């Protein structure tokens, strides 16, 4: 047997001895899960792999019987309290603080939640989330003004009204001309 064939044989033998990998997604969302398994196909050049991913629902209502030392139960409880606080109208940071205090009092995420790194990590996430929401509000406001201008043009509103709307939304002359062209063609 030549050296190349021998290496391939040894390689195949070693691969069959490896354990089959298992893939999991932990889900803590509010929507009902439709399935506990998802199928994915991963393709790369001439390799195609069918992957089954097991979805584990870690909502607190399903995990509350679990020991407080369990990290998934702690994470789930933290988010349950956070979400409950948000529903009550608390700000992101106040909901975070309340959830953190509750976890400390109940013994969840012990040793982790007290660390400054935990606080900084979540504050970064909350800041990023707030920034995205603010950007979305600005984009939505501009889009609303653009629609209003378009509608005003189609309704034969005065040029003064159209320019006032554009100025209020800080829409450039170039963009205003694009809207006018779209509305009149």
C-alpha atoms as a PDB file:
ATOM      1  CA  UNK A   1       0.000   0.000   0.000  1.00  0.00           C
ATOM      2  CA  UNK A   2       1.448   3.379  -0.934  1.00  0.00           C
ATOM      3  CA  UNK A   3       2.030   6.063   1.691  1.00  0.00           C
ATOM      4  CA  UNK A   4      -0.841   8.331   0.505  1.00  0.00           C
ATOM      5  CA  UNK A   5      -3.473   5.576   0.705  1.00  0.00           C
ATOM      6  CA  UNK A   6      -2.219   4.551   4.142  1.00  0.00           C
ATOM      7  CA  UNK A   7      -2.527   8.139   5.474  1.00  0.00           C
ATOM      8  CA  UNK A   8      -6.098   8.411   4.173  1.00  0.00           C
ATOM      9  CA  UNK A   9      -7.012   5.113   5.826  1.00  0.00           C
ATOM     10  CA  UNK A  10      -5.513   6.155   9.175  1.00  0.00           C
ATOM     11  CA  UNK A  11      -7.207   9.557   8.923  1.00  0.00           C
ATOM     12  CA  UNK A  12     -10.639   7.968   8.296  1.00  0.00           C
ATOM     13  CA  UNK A  13     -10.119   5.587  11.191  1.00  0.00           C
ATOM     14  CA  UNK A  14      -9.297   8.497  13.542  1.00  0.00           C
ATOM     15  CA  UNK A  15     -12.309  10.535  12.398  1.00  0.00           C
ATOM     16  CA  UNK A  16     -14.728   7.689  13.093  1.00  0.00           C
ATOM     17  CA  UNK A  17     -13.421   7.610  16.660  1.00  0.00           C
ATOM     18  CA  UNK A  18     -14.356  11.260  17.253  1.00  0.00           C
ATOM     19  CA  UNK A  19     -17.645  11.858  19.048  1.00  0.00           C
ATOM     20  CA  UNK A  20     -20.465  13.292  16.960  1.00  0.00           C
ATOM     21  CA  UNK A  21     -20.806  17.004  17.719  1.00  0.00           C
ATOM     22  CA  UNK A  22     -24.113  18.249  19.077  1.00  0.00           C
ATOM     23  CA  UNK A  23     -25.360  21.782  18.474  1.00  0.00           C
ATOM     24  CA  UNK A  24     -27.723  23.680  20.746  1.00  0.00           C
ATOM     25  CA  UNK A  25     -29.475  27.025  20.754  1.00  0.00           C
ATOM     26  CA  UNK A  26     -30.761  28.286  24.079  1.00  0.00           C
ATOM     27  CA  UNK A  27     -33.973  30.260  23.623  1.00  0.00           C
ATOM     28  CA  UNK A  28     -35.302  32.793  26.095  1.00  0.00           C
ATOM     29  CA  UNK A  29     -37.693  34.704  23.849  1.00  0.00           C
ATOM     30  CA  UNK A  30     -41.344  35.500  24.317  1.00  0.00           C
ATOM     31  CA  UNK A  31     -42.667  33.695  21.232  1.00  0.00           C
ATOM     32  CA  UNK A  32     -43.790  30.079  21.385  1.00  0.00           C
ATOM     33  CA  UNK A  33     -41.308  27.648  19.874  1.00  0.00           C
ATOM     34  CA  UNK A  34     -42.609  25.730  16.878  1.00  0.00           C
ATOM     35  CA  UNK A  35     -39.970  23.036  17.051  1.00  0.00           C
ATOM     36  CA  UNK A  36     -37.284  21.677  19.311  1.00  0.00           C
ATOM     37  CA  UNK A  37     -34.986  20.892  16.384  1.00  0.00           C
ATOM     38  CA  UNK A  38     -33.914  22.961  13.389  1.00  0.00           C
ATOM     39  CA  UNK A  39     -32.175  21.604  10.333  1.00  0.00           C
ATOM     40  CA  UNK A  40     -29.418  23.574   8.659  1.00  0.00           C
ATOM     41  CA  UNK A  41     -27.268  22.832   5.660  1.00  0.00           C
ATOM     42  CA  UNK A  42     -23.737  24.167   5.677  1.00  0.00           C
ATOM     43  CA  UNK A  43     -22.034  24.243   2.300  1.00  0.00           C
ATOM     44  CA  UNK A  44     -18.447  25.148   1.591  1.00  0.00           C
ATOM     45  CA  UNK A  45     -16.874  24.505  -1.796  1.00  0.00           C
ATOM     46  CA  UNK A  46     -17.398  20.759  -2.323  1.00  0.00           C
ATOM     47  CA  UNK A  47     -18.433  19.907   1.244  1.00  0.00           C
ATOM     48  CA  UNK A  48     -22.060  19.764   2.343  1.00  0.00           C
ATOM     49  CA  UNK A  49     -22.994  19.086   5.969  1.00  0.00           C
ATOM     50  CA  UNK A  50     -26.510  18.571   7.283  1.00  0.00           C
ATOM     51  CA  UNK A  51     -26.700  19.859  10.856  1.00  0.00           C
ATOM     52  CA  UNK A  52     -29.460  19.320  13.390  1.00  0.00           C
ATOM     53  CA  UNK A  53     -29.596  22.007  16.061  1.00  0.00           C
ATOM     54  CA  UNK A  54     -31.500  21.274  19.252  1.00  0.00           C
ATOM     55  CA  UNK A  55     -33.392  24.266  20.623  1.00  0.00           C
ATOM     56  CA  UNK A  56     -33.606  24.388  24.399  1.00  0.00           C
ATOM     57  CA  UNK A  57     -36.287  26.636  25.874  1.00  0.00           C
ATOM     58  CA  UNK A  58     -34.809  28.305  28.957  1.00  0.00           C
ATOM     59  CA  UNK A  59     -37.701  30.591  29.848  1.00  0.00           C
ATOM     60  CA  UNK A  60     -37.785  30.963  33.616  1.00  0.00           C
ATOM     61  CA  UNK A  61     -41.258  29.472  33.870  1.00  0.00           C
ATOM     62  CA  UNK A  62     -39.777  26.208  32.579  1.00  0.00           C
ATOM     63  CA  UNK A  63     -36.612  26.368  34.697  1.00  0.00           C
ATOM     64  CA  UNK A  64     -37.753  27.771  38.040  1.00  0.00           C
ATOM     65  CA  UNK A  65     -37.497  24.373  39.716  1.00  0.00           C
ATOM     66  CA  UNK A  66     -33.768  24.296  38.945  1.00  0.00           C
ATOM     67  CA  UNK A  67     -31.114  25.043  41.552  1.00  0.00           C
ATOM     68  CA  UNK A  68     -29.996  28.678  41.841  1.00  0.00           C
ATOM     69  CA  UNK A  69     -26.458  27.535  41.013  1.00  0.00           C
ATOM     70  CA  UNK A  70     -27.581  26.714  37.470  1.00  0.00           C
ATOM     71  CA  UNK A  71     -26.262  29.464  35.159  1.00  0.00           C
ATOM     72  CA  UNK A  72     -29.065  29.076  32.588  1.00  0.00           C
ATOM     73  CA  UNK A  73     -31.716  29.405  35.279  1.00  0.00           C
ATOM     74  CA  UNK A  74     -29.937  32.509  36.598  1.00  0.00           C
ATOM     75  CA  UNK A  75     -29.689  34.062  33.160  1.00  0.00           C
ATOM     76  CA  UNK A  76     -33.337  33.255  32.506  1.00  0.00           C
ATOM     77  CA  UNK A  77     -34.444  34.718  35.855  1.00  0.00           C
ATOM     78  CA  UNK A  78     -32.416  37.877  35.236  1.00  0.00           C
ATOM     79  CA  UNK A  79     -34.183  38.420  31.897  1.00  0.00           C
ATOM     80  CA  UNK A  80     -37.606  37.586  33.334  1.00  0.00           C
ATOM     81  CA  UNK A  81     -37.214  40.268  36.013  1.00  0.00           C
ATOM     82  CA  UNK A  82     -35.744  42.709  33.472  1.00  0.00           C
ATOM     83  CA  UNK A  83     -38.655  42.152  31.052  1.00  0.00           C
ATOM     84  CA  UNK A  84     -41.218  42.457  33.869  1.00  0.00           C
ATOM     85  CA  UNK A  85     -39.647  45.774  34.937  1.00  0.00           C
ATOM     86  CA  UNK A  86     -39.724  47.067  31.357  1.00  0.00           C
ATOM     87  CA  UNK A  87     -43.430  46.166  31.138  1.00  0.00           C
ATOM     88  CA  UNK A  88     -43.987  48.248  34.278  1.00  0.00           C
ATOM     89  CA  UNK A  89     -42.426  51.226  32.487  1.00  0.00           C
ATOM     90  CA  UNK A  90     -38.964  51.261  34.075  1.00  0.00           C
ATOM     91  CA  UNK A  91     -36.089  52.592  32.004  1.00  0.00           C
ATOM     92  CA  UNK A  92     -33.485  50.162  30.666  1.00  0.00           C
ATOM     93  CA  UNK A  93     -30.962  51.013  33.364  1.00  0.00           C
ATOM     94  CA  UNK A  94     -33.523  50.852  36.190  1.00  0.00           C
ATOM     95  CA  UNK A  95     -34.846  47.521  34.916  1.00  0.00           C
ATOM     96  CA  UNK A  96     -31.264  46.248  34.730  1.00  0.00           C
ATOM     97  CA  UNK A  97     -30.532  47.413  38.282  1.00  0.00           C
ATOM     98  CA  UNK A  98     -33.741  45.842  39.606  1.00  0.00           C
ATOM     99  CA  UNK A  99     -33.021  42.528  37.863  1.00  0.00           C
ATOM    100  CA  UNK A 100     -29.461  42.516  39.185  1.00  0.00           C
ATOM    101  CA  UNK A 101     -30.597  43.168  42.766  1.00  0.00           C
ATOM    102  CA  UNK A 102     -33.277  40.452  42.495  1.00  0.00           C
ATOM    103  CA  UNK A 103     -30.721  37.928  41.219  1.00  0.00           C
ATOM    104  CA  UNK A 104     -28.341  38.777  44.058  1.00  0.00           C
ATOM    105  CA  UNK A 105     -31.166  38.413  46.613  1.00  0.00           C
ATOM    106  CA  UNK A 106     -32.266  35.041  45.170  1.00  0.00           C
ATOM    107  CA  UNK A 107     -28.719  33.732  44.749  1.00  0.00           C
ATOM    108  CA  UNK A 108     -28.794  33.540  40.955  1.00  0.00           C
ATOM    109  CA  UNK A 109     -25.588  34.081  38.970  1.00  0.00           C
ATOM    110  CA  UNK A 110     -23.695  34.237  42.244  1.00  0.00           C
ATOM    111  CA  UNK A 111     -20.120  35.377  41.807  1.00  0.00           C
ATOM    112  CA  UNK A 112     -20.767  36.738  38.329  1.00  0.00           C
ATOM    113  CA  UNK A 113     -23.521  39.304  38.752  1.00  0.00           C
ATOM    114  CA  UNK A 114     -21.636  41.176  41.472  1.00  0.00           C
ATOM    115  CA  UNK A 115     -18.644  41.771  39.190  1.00  0.00           C
ATOM    116  CA  UNK A 116     -18.073  45.135  37.567  1.00  0.00           C
ATOM    117  CA  UNK A 117     -17.479  43.361  34.226  1.00  0.00           C
ATOM    118  CA  UNK A 118     -21.077  42.085  34.294  1.00  0.00           C
ATOM    119  CA  UNK A 119     -22.392  45.590  34.896  1.00  0.00           C
ATOM    120  CA  UNK A 120     -20.199  47.098  32.184  1.00  0.00           C
ATOM    121  CA  UNK A 121     -21.139  44.364  29.695  1.00  0.00           C
ATOM    122  CA  UNK A 122     -24.870  44.907  30.154  1.00  0.00           C
ATOM    123  CA  UNK A 123     -24.558  48.688  30.218  1.00  0.00           C
ATOM    124  CA  UNK A 124     -22.745  48.505  26.868  1.00  0.00           C
ATOM    125  CA  UNK A 125     -25.573  46.369  25.477  1.00  0.00           C
ATOM    126  CA  UNK A 126     -28.212  48.753  26.863  1.00  0.00           C
ATOM    127  CA  UNK A 127     -26.375  51.795  25.477  1.00  0.00           C
ATOM    128  CA  UNK A 128     -26.087  50.146  22.066  1.00  0.00           C
ATOM    129  CA  UNK A 129     -29.760  49.157  22.110  1.00  0.00           C
ATOM    130  CA  UNK A 130     -30.778  52.706  23.101  1.00  0.00           C
ATOM    131  CA  UNK A 131     -28.581  54.151  20.346  1.00  0.00           C
ATOM    132  CA  UNK A 132     -30.185  51.861  17.752  1.00  0.00           C
ATOM    133  CA  UNK A 133     -33.674  52.848  18.920  1.00  0.00           C
ATOM    134  CA  UNK A 134     -32.798  56.551  18.741  1.00  0.00           C
ATOM    135  CA  UNK A 135     -31.365  56.132  15.240  1.00  0.00           C
ATOM    136  CA  UNK A 136     -34.546  54.291  14.270  1.00  0.00           C
ATOM    137  CA  UNK A 137     -36.692  57.129  15.615  1.00  0.00           C
ATOM    138  CA  UNK A 138     -34.727  59.714  13.618  1.00  0.00           C
ATOM    139  CA  UNK A 139     -34.895  57.599  10.456  1.00  0.00           C
ATOM    140  CA  UNK A 140     -38.620  57.022  11.018  1.00  0.00           C
ATOM    141  CA  UNK A 141     -39.224  60.741  11.516  1.00  0.00           C
ATOM    142  CA  UNK A 142     -37.373  61.614   8.305  1.00  0.00           C
ATOM    143  CA  UNK A 143     -39.205  58.882   6.409  1.00  0.00           C
ATOM    144  CA  UNK A 144     -42.503  60.237   7.753  1.00  0.00           C
ATOM    145  CA  UNK A 145     -41.649  63.744   6.576  1.00  0.00           C
ATOM    146  CA  UNK A 146     -40.636  62.395   3.165  1.00  0.00           C
ATOM    147  CA  UNK A 147     -44.017  60.644   2.866  1.00  0.00           C
ATOM    148  CA  UNK A 148     -45.820  63.804   3.990  1.00  0.00           C
ATOM    149  CA  UNK A 149     -43.957  65.858   1.366  1.00  0.00           C
ATOM    150  CA  UNK A 150     -44.740  63.274  -1.305  1.00  0.00           C
ATOM    151  CA  UNK A 151     -48.431  63.311  -0.335  1.00  0.00           C
ATOM    152  CA  UNK A 152     -48.479  67.137  -0.208  1.00  0.00           C
ATOM    153  CA  UNK A 153     -47.006  67.323  -3.704  1.00  0.00           C
ATOM    154  CA  UNK A 154     -49.538  64.796  -5.030  1.00  0.00           C
ATOM    155  CA  UNK A 155     -52.322  66.902  -3.417  1.00  0.00           C
ATOM    156  CA  UNK A 156     -51.009  70.042  -5.140  1.00  0.00           C
ATOM    157  CA  UNK A 157     -49.950  71.736  -1.883  1.00  0.00           C
ATOM    158  CA  UNK A 158     -48.147  75.038  -2.101  1.00  0.00           C
ATOM    159  CA  UNK A 159     -44.396  75.096  -2.645  1.00  0.00           C
ATOM    160  CA  UNK A 160     -44.085  77.062   0.626  1.00  0.00           C
ATOM    161  CA  UNK A 161     -45.675  74.186   2.607  1.00  0.00           C
ATOM    162  CA  UNK A 162     -43.482  71.617   0.873  1.00  0.00           C
ATOM    163  CA  UNK A 163     -40.317  73.624   1.574  1.00  0.00           C
ATOM    164  CA  UNK A 164     -41.387  74.140   5.212  1.00  0.00           C
ATOM    165  CA  UNK A 165     -41.804  70.377   5.671  1.00  0.00           C
ATOM    166  CA  UNK A 166     -38.410  69.754   4.046  1.00  0.00           C
ATOM    167  CA  UNK A 167     -36.724  72.361   6.257  1.00  0.00           C
ATOM    168  CA  UNK A 168     -38.333  70.906   9.411  1.00  0.00           C
ATOM    169  CA  UNK A 169     -37.025  67.448   8.516  1.00  0.00           C
ATOM    170  CA  UNK A 170     -33.627  68.843   7.496  1.00  0.00           C
ATOM    171  CA  UNK A 171     -34.073  67.289   4.060  1.00  0.00           C
ATOM    172  CA  UNK A 172     -31.522  68.540   1.545  1.00  0.00           C
ATOM    173  CA  UNK A 173     -32.511  70.327  -1.662  1.00  0.00           C
ATOM    174  CA  UNK A 174     -31.208  67.346  -3.636  1.00  0.00           C
ATOM    175  CA  UNK A 175     -33.403  64.904  -1.700  1.00  0.00           C
ATOM    176  CA  UNK A 176     -36.386  67.275  -1.968  1.00  0.00           C
ATOM    177  CA  UNK A 177     -35.939  67.392  -5.742  1.00  0.00           C
ATOM    178  CA  UNK A 178     -35.836  63.557  -5.807  1.00  0.00           C
ATOM    179  CA  UNK A 179     -39.129  63.446  -3.876  1.00  0.00           C
ATOM    180  CA  UNK A 180     -40.698  66.046  -6.164  1.00  0.00           C
ATOM    181  CA  UNK A 181     -39.591  64.101  -9.246  1.00  0.00           C
ATOM    182  CA  UNK A 182     -40.958  60.841  -7.827  1.00  0.00           C
ATOM    183  CA  UNK A 183     -44.286  62.459  -6.928  1.00  0.00           C
ATOM    184  CA  UNK A 184     -44.793  64.153 -10.276  1.00  0.00           C
ATOM    185  CA  UNK A 185     -43.843  61.277 -12.573  1.00  0.00           C
END
